[in-house]
């Protein structure tokens, strides 16, 4: 009996660990179920994707307020995908261009 309970618990844990939620297809409930995504972030994701689907992680990070590289990596590790892809750590190109280079000190 104990072995069956333990096996069932392990299977459920494995299933939930690998359950990915795509930002373009996930429901509010599915998004809320992800660690690090609350009701306000779910609303921001849904509102942004109503305009158009997210192309990739940089597009997602640019259009969803509060999601930068560190948060994107954490969300991806917790099961969020964009077009079926996990976050690979690449920063959006737009953010690199908008930062002014630091002036050299003399």
PDB file of N, CA and C in Angstrom:
ATOM      1  N   UNK A   1       0.828  -1.191   0.000  1.00  0.00           N
ATOM      2  CA  UNK A   1       0.000   0.000   0.000  1.00  0.00           C
ATOM      3  C   UNK A   1       0.872   1.254   0.000  1.00  0.00           C
ATOM      4  N   UNK A   2       1.869   1.286   0.884  1.00  0.00           N
ATOM      5  CA  UNK A   2       2.750   2.441   0.974  1.00  0.00           C
ATOM      6  C   UNK A   2       3.520   2.642  -0.334  1.00  0.00           C
ATOM      7  N   UNK A   3       3.945   1.543  -0.954  1.00  0.00           N
ATOM      8  CA  UNK A   3       4.685   1.630  -2.208  1.00  0.00           C
ATOM      9  C   UNK A   3       3.820   2.220  -3.324  1.00  0.00           C
ATOM     10  N   UNK A   4       2.537   1.828  -3.349  1.00  0.00           N
ATOM     11  CA  UNK A   4       1.628   2.360  -4.362  1.00  0.00           C
ATOM     12  C   UNK A   4       1.420   3.859  -4.159  1.00  0.00           C
ATOM     13  N   UNK A   5       1.254   4.258  -2.915  1.00  0.00           N
ATOM     14  CA  UNK A   5       1.069   5.675  -2.606  1.00  0.00           C
ATOM     15  C   UNK A   5       2.312   6.472  -2.995  1.00  0.00           C
ATOM     16  N   UNK A   6       3.461   5.949  -2.669  1.00  0.00           N
ATOM     17  CA  UNK A   6       4.712   6.607  -3.001  1.00  0.00           C
ATOM     18  C   UNK A   6       4.902   6.698  -4.525  1.00  0.00           C
ATOM     19  N   UNK A   7       4.593   5.629  -5.227  1.00  0.00           N
ATOM     20  CA  UNK A   7       4.715   5.620  -6.689  1.00  0.00           C
ATOM     21  C   UNK A   7       3.750   6.613  -7.327  1.00  0.00           C
ATOM     22  N   UNK A   8       2.531   6.684  -6.831  1.00  0.00           N
ATOM     23  CA  UNK A   8       1.535   7.614  -7.352  1.00  0.00           C
ATOM     24  C   UNK A   8       1.977   9.054  -7.113  1.00  0.00           C
ATOM     25  N   UNK A   9       2.467   9.320  -5.932  1.00  0.00           N
ATOM     26  CA  UNK A   9       2.945  10.661  -5.611  1.00  0.00           C
ATOM     27  C   UNK A   9       4.113  11.045  -6.511  1.00  0.00           C
ATOM     28  N   UNK A  10       5.025  10.135  -6.733  1.00  0.00           N
ATOM     29  CA  UNK A  10       6.173  10.400  -7.603  1.00  0.00           C
ATOM     30  C   UNK A  10       5.724  10.669  -9.036  1.00  0.00           C
ATOM     31  N   UNK A  11       4.748   9.915  -9.517  1.00  0.00           N
ATOM     32  CA  UNK A  11       4.236  10.123 -10.879  1.00  0.00           C
ATOM     33  C   UNK A  11       3.574  11.489 -11.009  1.00  0.00           C
ATOM     34  N   UNK A  12       2.770  11.863 -10.035  1.00  0.00           N
ATOM     35  CA  UNK A  12       2.103  13.164 -10.071  1.00  0.00           C
ATOM     36  C   UNK A  12       3.128  14.295 -10.042  1.00  0.00           C
ATOM     37  N   UNK A  13       4.156  14.148  -9.218  1.00  0.00           N
ATOM     38  CA  UNK A  13       5.204  15.158  -9.161  1.00  0.00           C
ATOM     39  C   UNK A  13       5.912  15.264 -10.502  1.00  0.00           C
ATOM     40  N   UNK A  14       6.218  14.146 -11.117  1.00  0.00           N
ATOM     41  CA  UNK A  14       6.905  14.147 -12.410  1.00  0.00           C
ATOM     42  C   UNK A  14       6.046  14.801 -13.486  1.00  0.00           C
ATOM     43  N   UNK A  15       4.768  14.509 -13.469  1.00  0.00           N
ATOM     44  CA  UNK A  15       3.860  15.088 -14.470  1.00  0.00           C
ATOM     45  C   UNK A  15       3.784  16.593 -14.308  1.00  0.00           C
ATOM     46  N   UNK A  16       3.618  17.069 -13.082  1.00  0.00           N
ATOM     47  CA  UNK A  16       3.509  18.511 -12.863  1.00  0.00           C
ATOM     48  C   UNK A  16       4.836  19.212 -13.095  1.00  0.00           C
ATOM     49  N   UNK A  17       5.947  18.536 -12.896  1.00  0.00           N
ATOM     50  CA  UNK A  17       7.256  19.141 -13.130  1.00  0.00           C
ATOM     51  C   UNK A  17       7.485  19.417 -14.612  1.00  0.00           C
ATOM     52  N   UNK A  18       6.954  18.576 -15.473  1.00  0.00           N
ATOM     53  CA  UNK A  18       7.184  18.716 -16.895  1.00  0.00           C
ATOM     54  C   UNK A  18       6.039  19.395 -17.629  1.00  0.00           C
ATOM     55  N   UNK A  19       5.019  19.823 -16.908  1.00  0.00           N
ATOM     56  CA  UNK A  19       3.878  20.478 -17.539  1.00  0.00           C
ATOM     57  C   UNK A  19       4.260  21.904 -17.894  1.00  0.00           C
ATOM     58  N   UNK A  20       4.463  22.167 -19.170  1.00  0.00           N
ATOM     59  CA  UNK A  20       4.830  23.500 -19.619  1.00  0.00           C
ATOM     60  C   UNK A  20       3.570  24.267 -20.015  1.00  0.00           C
ATOM     61  N   UNK A  21       3.603  25.544 -19.760  1.00  0.00           N
ATOM     62  CA  UNK A  21       2.497  26.423 -20.137  1.00  0.00           C
ATOM     63  C   UNK A  21       3.056  27.426 -21.140  1.00  0.00           C
ATOM     64  N   UNK A  22       2.460  27.468 -22.322  1.00  0.00           N
ATOM     65  CA  UNK A  22       2.911  28.401 -23.337  1.00  0.00           C
ATOM     66  C   UNK A  22       2.245  29.751 -23.135  1.00  0.00           C
ATOM     67  N   UNK A  23       3.025  30.823 -23.197  1.00  0.00           N
ATOM     68  CA  UNK A  23       2.508  32.176 -22.980  1.00  0.00           C
ATOM     69  C   UNK A  23       1.455  32.555 -24.018  1.00  0.00           C
ATOM     70  N   UNK A  24       1.516  31.962 -25.214  1.00  0.00           N
ATOM     71  CA  UNK A  24       0.552  32.274 -26.256  1.00  0.00           C
ATOM     72  C   UNK A  24      -0.736  31.457 -26.164  1.00  0.00           C
ATOM     73  N   UNK A  25      -0.724  30.388 -25.387  1.00  0.00           N
ATOM     74  CA  UNK A  25      -1.885  29.497 -25.358  1.00  0.00           C
ATOM     75  C   UNK A  25      -2.460  29.266 -23.965  1.00  0.00           C
ATOM     76  N   UNK A  26      -1.703  29.543 -22.924  1.00  0.00           N
ATOM     77  CA  UNK A  26      -2.127  29.251 -21.562  1.00  0.00           C
ATOM     78  C   UNK A  26      -3.310  30.091 -21.110  1.00  0.00           C
ATOM     79  N   UNK A  27      -4.175  29.479 -20.324  1.00  0.00           N
ATOM     80  CA  UNK A  27      -5.303  30.201 -19.748  1.00  0.00           C
ATOM     81  C   UNK A  27      -4.832  30.973 -18.522  1.00  0.00           C
ATOM     82  N   UNK A  28      -5.685  31.843 -18.019  1.00  0.00           N
ATOM     83  CA  UNK A  28      -5.354  32.594 -16.813  1.00  0.00           C
ATOM     84  C   UNK A  28      -5.050  31.630 -15.674  1.00  0.00           C
ATOM     85  N   UNK A  29      -5.855  30.583 -15.531  1.00  0.00           N
ATOM     86  CA  UNK A  29      -5.651  29.604 -14.460  1.00  0.00           C
ATOM     87  C   UNK A  29      -4.325  28.875 -14.619  1.00  0.00           C
ATOM     88  N   UNK A  30      -3.971  28.501 -15.849  1.00  0.00           N
ATOM     89  CA  UNK A  30      -2.698  27.812 -16.081  1.00  0.00           C
ATOM     90  C   UNK A  30      -1.515  28.725 -15.782  1.00  0.00           C
ATOM     91  N   UNK A  31      -1.617  29.979 -16.208  1.00  0.00           N
ATOM     92  CA  UNK A  31      -0.541  30.930 -15.935  1.00  0.00           C
ATOM     93  C   UNK A  31      -0.414  31.190 -14.435  1.00  0.00           C
ATOM     94  N   UNK A  32      -1.554  31.363 -13.756  1.00  0.00           N
ATOM     95  CA  UNK A  32      -1.550  31.570 -12.298  1.00  0.00           C
ATOM     96  C   UNK A  32      -0.942  30.382 -11.562  1.00  0.00           C
ATOM     97  N   UNK A  33      -1.057  29.205 -12.129  1.00  0.00           N
ATOM     98  CA  UNK A  33      -0.537  28.001 -11.499  1.00  0.00           C
ATOM     99  C   UNK A  33       0.977  27.907 -11.514  1.00  0.00           C
ATOM    100  N   UNK A  34       1.615  28.736 -12.330  1.00  0.00           N
ATOM    101  CA  UNK A  34       3.075  28.731 -12.384  1.00  0.00           C
ATOM    102  C   UNK A  34       3.653  29.523 -11.222  1.00  0.00           C
ATOM    103  N   UNK A  35       4.717  29.006 -10.662  1.00  0.00           N
ATOM    104  CA  UNK A  35       5.409  29.699  -9.579  1.00  0.00           C
ATOM    105  C   UNK A  35       5.969  31.008 -10.133  1.00  0.00           C
ATOM    106  N   UNK A  36       5.726  32.094  -9.441  1.00  0.00           N
ATOM    107  CA  UNK A  36       6.229  33.394  -9.874  1.00  0.00           C
ATOM    108  C   UNK A  36       5.262  34.184 -10.726  1.00  0.00           C
ATOM    109  N   UNK A  37       4.135  33.581 -11.076  1.00  0.00           N
ATOM    110  CA  UNK A  37       3.121  34.286 -11.861  1.00  0.00           C
ATOM    111  C   UNK A  37       1.863  34.414 -11.007  1.00  0.00           C
ATOM    112  N   UNK A  38       1.506  35.640 -10.726  1.00  0.00           N
ATOM    113  CA  UNK A  38       0.300  35.886  -9.949  1.00  0.00           C
ATOM    114  C   UNK A  38      -0.792  36.456 -10.835  1.00  0.00           C
ATOM    115  N   UNK A  39      -1.905  36.842 -10.234  1.00  0.00           N
ATOM    116  CA  UNK A  39      -3.020  37.375 -11.015  1.00  0.00           C
ATOM    117  C   UNK A  39      -2.667  38.608 -11.844  1.00  0.00           C
ATOM    118  N   UNK A  40      -1.855  39.516 -11.307  1.00  0.00           N
ATOM    119  CA  UNK A  40      -1.530  40.728 -12.064  1.00  0.00           C
ATOM    120  C   UNK A  40      -0.627  40.419 -13.263  1.00  0.00           C
ATOM    121  N   UNK A  41       0.342  39.522 -13.081  1.00  0.00           N
ATOM    122  CA  UNK A  41       1.205  39.172 -14.214  1.00  0.00           C
ATOM    123  C   UNK A  41       0.416  38.382 -15.253  1.00  0.00           C
ATOM    124  N   UNK A  42      -0.467  37.500 -14.815  1.00  0.00           N
ATOM    125  CA  UNK A  42      -1.309  36.758 -15.767  1.00  0.00           C
ATOM    126  C   UNK A  42      -2.104  37.729 -16.627  1.00  0.00           C
ATOM    127  N   UNK A  43      -2.651  38.760 -15.998  1.00  0.00           N
ATOM    128  CA  UNK A  43      -3.435  39.763 -16.727  1.00  0.00           C
ATOM    129  C   UNK A  43      -2.553  40.505 -17.727  1.00  0.00           C
ATOM    130  N   UNK A  44      -1.329  40.861 -17.318  1.00  0.00           N
ATOM    131  CA  UNK A  44      -0.418  41.557 -18.239  1.00  0.00           C
ATOM    132  C   UNK A  44      -0.067  40.676 -19.436  1.00  0.00           C
ATOM    133  N   UNK A  45       0.145  39.388 -19.185  1.00  0.00           N
ATOM    134  CA  UNK A  45       0.470  38.455 -20.269  1.00  0.00           C
ATOM    135  C   UNK A  45      -0.707  38.323 -21.233  1.00  0.00           C
ATOM    136  N   UNK A  46      -1.899  38.111 -20.678  1.00  0.00           N
ATOM    137  CA  UNK A  46      -3.101  37.952 -21.511  1.00  0.00           C
ATOM    138  C   UNK A  46      -3.372  39.228 -22.312  1.00  0.00           C
ATOM    139  N   UNK A  47      -3.272  40.393 -21.654  1.00  0.00           N
ATOM    140  CA  UNK A  47      -3.512  41.665 -22.347  1.00  0.00           C
ATOM    141  C   UNK A  47      -2.516  41.884 -23.489  1.00  0.00           C
ATOM    142  N   UNK A  48      -1.239  41.575 -23.246  1.00  0.00           N
ATOM    143  CA  UNK A  48      -0.215  41.766 -24.286  1.00  0.00           C
ATOM    144  C   UNK A  48      -0.427  40.814 -25.458  1.00  0.00           C
ATOM    145  N   UNK A  49      -0.832  39.605 -25.186  1.00  0.00           N
ATOM    146  CA  UNK A  49      -0.998  38.654 -26.294  1.00  0.00           C
ATOM    147  C   UNK A  49      -2.297  38.885 -27.054  1.00  0.00           C
ATOM    148  N   UNK A  50      -3.246  39.652 -26.483  1.00  0.00           N
ATOM    149  CA  UNK A  50      -4.461  40.010 -27.232  1.00  0.00           C
ATOM    150  C   UNK A  50      -4.111  40.884 -28.427  1.00  0.00           C
ATOM    151  N   UNK A  51      -3.071  41.715 -28.286  1.00  0.00           N
ATOM    152  CA  UNK A  51      -2.625  42.563 -29.394  1.00  0.00           C
ATOM    153  C   UNK A  51      -2.096  41.696 -30.528  1.00  0.00           C
ATOM    154  N   UNK A  52      -1.198  40.769 -30.171  1.00  0.00           N
ATOM    155  CA  UNK A  52      -0.666  39.779 -31.114  1.00  0.00           C
ATOM    156  C   UNK A  52       0.131  38.773 -30.306  1.00  0.00           C
ATOM    157  N   UNK A  53       0.322  37.578 -30.869  1.00  0.00           N
ATOM    158  CA  UNK A  53       1.066  36.533 -30.165  1.00  0.00           C
ATOM    159  C   UNK A  53       2.520  36.947 -30.003  1.00  0.00           C
ATOM    160  N   UNK A  54       3.152  36.392 -28.961  1.00  0.00           N
ATOM    161  CA  UNK A  54       4.561  36.648 -28.729  1.00  0.00           C
ATOM    162  C   UNK A  54       5.385  35.856 -29.740  1.00  0.00           C
ATOM    163  N   UNK A  55       6.368  36.517 -30.362  1.00  0.00           N
ATOM    164  CA  UNK A  55       7.225  35.841 -31.339  1.00  0.00           C
ATOM    165  C   UNK A  55       8.250  34.951 -30.652  1.00  0.00           C
ATOM    166  N   UNK A  56       8.847  35.487 -29.587  1.00  0.00           N
ATOM    167  CA  UNK A  56       9.925  34.799 -28.893  1.00  0.00           C
ATOM    168  C   UNK A  56      10.100  35.428 -27.510  1.00  0.00           C
ATOM    169  N   UNK A  57      11.077  34.953 -26.774  1.00  0.00           N
ATOM    170  CA  UNK A  57      11.304  35.470 -25.423  1.00  0.00           C
ATOM    171  C   UNK A  57      11.643  36.957 -25.407  1.00  0.00           C
ATOM    172  N   UNK A  58      12.520  37.446 -26.291  1.00  0.00           N
ATOM    173  CA  UNK A  58      12.779  38.890 -26.277  1.00  0.00           C
ATOM    174  C   UNK A  58      11.510  39.719 -26.502  1.00  0.00           C
ATOM    175  N   UNK A  59      10.647  39.272 -27.396  1.00  0.00           N
ATOM    176  CA  UNK A  59       9.372  39.954 -27.636  1.00  0.00           C
ATOM    177  C   UNK A  59       8.514  39.917 -26.369  1.00  0.00           C
ATOM    178  N   UNK A  60       8.455  38.769 -25.717  1.00  0.00           N
ATOM    179  CA  UNK A  60       7.702  38.613 -24.466  1.00  0.00           C
ATOM    180  C   UNK A  60       8.238  39.567 -23.397  1.00  0.00           C
ATOM    181  N   UNK A  61       9.562  39.615 -23.253  1.00  0.00           N
ATOM    182  CA  UNK A  61      10.188  40.454 -22.235  1.00  0.00           C
ATOM    183  C   UNK A  61       9.963  41.943 -22.510  1.00  0.00           C
ATOM    184  N   UNK A  62       9.914  42.299 -23.762  1.00  0.00           N
ATOM    185  CA  UNK A  62       9.711  43.695 -24.133  1.00  0.00           C
ATOM    186  C   UNK A  62       8.269  44.134 -23.874  1.00  0.00           C
ATOM    187  N   UNK A  63       7.315  43.247 -24.084  1.00  0.00           N
ATOM    188  CA  UNK A  63       5.901  43.623 -24.010  1.00  0.00           C
ATOM    189  C   UNK A  63       5.237  43.366 -22.663  1.00  0.00           C
ATOM    190  N   UNK A  64       5.824  42.527 -21.813  1.00  0.00           N
ATOM    191  CA  UNK A  64       5.228  42.242 -20.507  1.00  0.00           C
ATOM    192  C   UNK A  64       6.029  42.968 -19.433  1.00  0.00           C
ATOM    193  N   UNK A  65       5.408  43.969 -18.840  1.00  0.00           N
ATOM    194  CA  UNK A  65       6.073  44.780 -17.818  1.00  0.00           C
ATOM    195  C   UNK A  65       6.489  43.905 -16.635  1.00  0.00           C
ATOM    196  N   UNK A  66       7.709  44.128 -16.163  1.00  0.00           N
ATOM    197  CA  UNK A  66       8.208  43.403 -15.005  1.00  0.00           C
ATOM    198  C   UNK A  66       8.959  42.130 -15.327  1.00  0.00           C
ATOM    199  N   UNK A  67       9.095  41.802 -16.605  1.00  0.00           N
ATOM    200  CA  UNK A  67       9.833  40.591 -16.987  1.00  0.00           C
ATOM    201  C   UNK A  67      11.111  40.999 -17.707  1.00  0.00           C
ATOM    202  N   UNK A  68      12.199  40.816 -17.001  1.00  0.00           N
ATOM    203  CA  UNK A  68      13.528  41.056 -17.574  1.00  0.00           C
ATOM    204  C   UNK A  68      14.227  39.702 -17.661  1.00  0.00           C
ATOM    205  N   UNK A  69      15.500  39.718 -17.950  1.00  0.00           N
ATOM    206  CA  UNK A  69      16.246  38.477 -18.189  1.00  0.00           C
ATOM    207  C   UNK A  69      16.191  37.522 -16.991  1.00  0.00           C
ATOM    208  N   UNK A  70      16.417  38.045 -15.795  1.00  0.00           N
ATOM    209  CA  UNK A  70      16.438  37.187 -14.604  1.00  0.00           C
ATOM    210  C   UNK A  70      15.060  36.566 -14.348  1.00  0.00           C
ATOM    211  N   UNK A  71      14.004  37.356 -14.457  1.00  0.00           N
ATOM    212  CA  UNK A  71      12.638  36.861 -14.242  1.00  0.00           C
ATOM    213  C   UNK A  71      12.260  35.864 -15.337  1.00  0.00           C
ATOM    214  N   UNK A  72      12.663  36.143 -16.576  1.00  0.00           N
ATOM    215  CA  UNK A  72      12.364  35.232 -17.686  1.00  0.00           C
ATOM    216  C   UNK A  72      13.012  33.867 -17.458  1.00  0.00           C
ATOM    217  N   UNK A  73      14.250  33.864 -16.998  1.00  0.00           N
ATOM    218  CA  UNK A  73      14.942  32.601 -16.725  1.00  0.00           C
ATOM    219  C   UNK A  73      14.226  31.819 -15.630  1.00  0.00           C
ATOM    220  N   UNK A  74      13.765  32.526 -14.610  1.00  0.00           N
ATOM    221  CA  UNK A  74      13.063  31.876 -13.498  1.00  0.00           C
ATOM    222  C   UNK A  74      11.710  31.312 -13.960  1.00  0.00           C
ATOM    223  N   UNK A  75      10.959  32.103 -14.728  1.00  0.00           N
ATOM    224  CA  UNK A  75       9.663  31.638 -15.242  1.00  0.00           C
ATOM    225  C   UNK A  75       9.836  30.428 -16.157  1.00  0.00           C
ATOM    226  N   UNK A  76      10.858  30.471 -16.990  1.00  0.00           N
ATOM    227  CA  UNK A  76      11.125  29.359 -17.892  1.00  0.00           C
ATOM    228  C   UNK A  76      11.461  28.095 -17.112  1.00  0.00           C
ATOM    229  N   UNK A  77      12.270  28.237 -16.078  1.00  0.00           N
ATOM    230  CA  UNK A  77      12.631  27.083 -15.249  1.00  0.00           C
ATOM    231  C   UNK A  77      11.406  26.507 -14.540  1.00  0.00           C
ATOM    232  N   UNK A  78      10.412  27.357 -14.287  1.00  0.00           N
ATOM    233  CA  UNK A  78       9.193  26.910 -13.625  1.00  0.00           C
ATOM    234  C   UNK A  78       8.119  26.441 -14.601  1.00  0.00           C
ATOM    235  N   UNK A  79       8.429  26.436 -15.917  1.00  0.00           N
ATOM    236  CA  UNK A  79       7.520  25.826 -16.880  1.00  0.00           C
ATOM    237  C   UNK A  79       6.910  26.729 -17.929  1.00  0.00           C
ATOM    238  N   UNK A  80       7.244  28.016 -17.952  1.00  0.00           N
ATOM    239  CA  UNK A  80       6.681  28.904 -18.971  1.00  0.00           C
ATOM    240  C   UNK A  80       7.502  28.790 -20.248  1.00  0.00           C
ATOM    241  N   UNK A  81       6.820  28.706 -21.366  1.00  0.00           N
ATOM    242  CA  UNK A  81       7.480  28.697 -22.670  1.00  0.00           C
ATOM    243  C   UNK A  81       6.865  29.776 -23.549  1.00  0.00           C
ATOM    244  N   UNK A  82       7.582  30.161 -24.588  1.00  0.00           N
ATOM    245  CA  UNK A  82       7.059  31.079 -25.602  1.00  0.00           C
ATOM    246  C   UNK A  82       7.222  30.359 -26.932  1.00  0.00           C
ATOM    247  N   UNK A  83       6.118  30.068 -27.570  1.00  0.00           N
ATOM    248  CA  UNK A  83       6.105  29.273 -28.803  1.00  0.00           C
ATOM    249  C   UNK A  83       6.806  27.931 -28.605  1.00  0.00           C
ATOM    250  N   UNK A  84       6.604  27.347 -27.432  1.00  0.00           N
ATOM    251  CA  UNK A  84       7.148  26.031 -27.137  1.00  0.00           C
ATOM    252  C   UNK A  84       8.619  26.011 -26.770  1.00  0.00           C
ATOM    253  N   UNK A  85       9.238  27.177 -26.666  1.00  0.00           N
ATOM    254  CA  UNK A  85      10.675  27.237 -26.378  1.00  0.00           C
ATOM    255  C   UNK A  85      10.932  27.810 -24.987  1.00  0.00           C
ATOM    256  N   UNK A  86      11.901  27.220 -24.312  1.00  0.00           N
ATOM    257  CA  UNK A  86      12.343  27.728 -23.022  1.00  0.00           C
ATOM    258  C   UNK A  86      13.255  28.925 -23.242  1.00  0.00           C
ATOM    259  N   UNK A  87      13.424  29.711 -22.195  1.00  0.00           N
ATOM    260  CA  UNK A  87      14.304  30.878 -22.262  1.00  0.00           C
ATOM    261  C   UNK A  87      15.748  30.412 -22.347  1.00  0.00           C
ATOM    262  N   UNK A  88      16.495  30.977 -23.305  1.00  0.00           N
ATOM    263  CA  UNK A  88      17.883  30.556 -23.494  1.00  0.00           C
ATOM    264  C   UNK A  88      18.894  31.538 -22.930  1.00  0.00           C
ATOM    265  N   UNK A  89      18.429  32.593 -22.308  1.00  0.00           N
ATOM    266  CA  UNK A  89      19.333  33.553 -21.680  1.00  0.00           C
ATOM    267  C   UNK A  89      19.760  34.695 -22.568  1.00  0.00           C
ATOM    268  N   UNK A  90      19.260  34.761 -23.784  1.00  0.00           N
ATOM    269  CA  UNK A  90      19.620  35.859 -24.678  1.00  0.00           C
ATOM    270  C   UNK A  90      18.816  37.100 -24.331  1.00  0.00           C
ATOM    271  N   UNK A  91      19.501  38.187 -24.118  1.00  0.00           N
ATOM    272  CA  UNK A  91      18.827  39.450 -23.810  1.00  0.00           C
ATOM    273  C   UNK A  91      18.210  40.005 -25.083  1.00  0.00           C
ATOM    274  N   UNK A  92      17.107  40.725 -24.971  1.00  0.00           N
ATOM    275  CA  UNK A  92      16.497  41.306 -26.160  1.00  0.00           C
ATOM    276  C   UNK A  92      17.423  42.333 -26.808  1.00  0.00           C
ATOM    277  N   UNK A  93      17.466  42.347 -28.105  1.00  0.00           N
ATOM    278  CA  UNK A  93      18.354  43.248 -28.832  1.00  0.00           C
ATOM    279  C   UNK A  93      18.016  44.709 -28.571  1.00  0.00           C
ATOM    280  N   UNK A  94      16.744  45.024 -28.410  1.00  0.00           N
ATOM    281  CA  UNK A  94      16.312  46.401 -28.213  1.00  0.00           C
ATOM    282  C   UNK A  94      16.906  47.003 -26.946  1.00  0.00           C
ATOM    283  N   UNK A  95      17.009  46.225 -25.874  1.00  0.00           N
ATOM    284  CA  UNK A  95      17.519  46.773 -24.624  1.00  0.00           C
ATOM    285  C   UNK A  95      19.006  47.088 -24.719  1.00  0.00           C
ATOM    286  N   UNK A  96      19.754  46.363 -25.529  1.00  0.00           N
ATOM    287  CA  UNK A  96      21.171  46.633 -25.700  1.00  0.00           C
ATOM    288  C   UNK A  96      21.380  47.940 -26.465  1.00  0.00           C
ATOM    289  N   UNK A  97      20.515  48.202 -27.437  1.00  0.00           N
ATOM    290  CA  UNK A  97      20.644  49.402 -28.257  1.00  0.00           C
ATOM    291  C   UNK A  97      20.258  50.649 -27.492  1.00  0.00           C
ATOM    292  N   UNK A  98      19.308  50.552 -26.576  1.00  0.00           N
ATOM    293  CA  UNK A  98      18.804  51.727 -25.885  1.00  0.00           C
ATOM    294  C   UNK A  98      19.728  52.202 -24.785  1.00  0.00           C
ATOM    295  N   UNK A  99      20.607  51.353 -24.301  1.00  0.00           N
ATOM    296  CA  UNK A  99      21.529  51.756 -23.250  1.00  0.00           C
ATOM    297  C   UNK A  99      22.668  52.576 -23.863  1.00  0.00           C
ATOM    298  N   UNK A 100      22.925  53.740 -23.250  1.00  0.00           N
ATOM    299  CA  UNK A 100      24.005  54.577 -23.727  1.00  0.00           C
ATOM    300  C   UNK A 100      25.333  54.042 -23.203  1.00  0.00           C
ATOM    301  N   UNK A 101      26.359  54.074 -24.012  1.00  0.00           N
ATOM    302  CA  UNK A 101      27.658  53.602 -23.538  1.00  0.00           C
ATOM    303  C   UNK A 101      28.182  54.524 -22.448  1.00  0.00           C
ATOM    304  N   UNK A 102      28.916  53.941 -21.500  1.00  0.00           N
ATOM    305  CA  UNK A 102      29.483  54.740 -20.414  1.00  0.00           C
ATOM    306  C   UNK A 102      30.662  55.537 -20.935  1.00  0.00           C
ATOM    307  N   UNK A 103      30.739  56.764 -20.471  1.00  0.00           N
ATOM    308  CA  UNK A 103      31.855  57.626 -20.867  1.00  0.00           C
ATOM    309  C   UNK A 103      33.103  57.213 -20.115  1.00  0.00           C
ATOM    310  N   UNK A 104      34.217  57.237 -20.773  1.00  0.00           N
ATOM    311  CA  UNK A 104      35.477  56.882 -20.134  1.00  0.00           C
ATOM    312  C   UNK A 104      35.928  57.998 -19.215  1.00  0.00           C
ATOM    313  N   UNK A 105      36.411  57.644 -18.045  1.00  0.00           N
ATOM    314  CA  UNK A 105      36.910  58.644 -17.101  1.00  0.00           C
ATOM    315  C   UNK A 105      38.351  58.963 -17.422  1.00  0.00           C
ATOM    316  N   UNK A 106      38.683  60.240 -17.315  1.00  0.00           N
ATOM    317  CA  UNK A 106      40.053  60.657 -17.614  1.00  0.00           C
ATOM    318  C   UNK A 106      40.859  60.814 -16.354  1.00  0.00           C
TER     319      UNK A 106
END
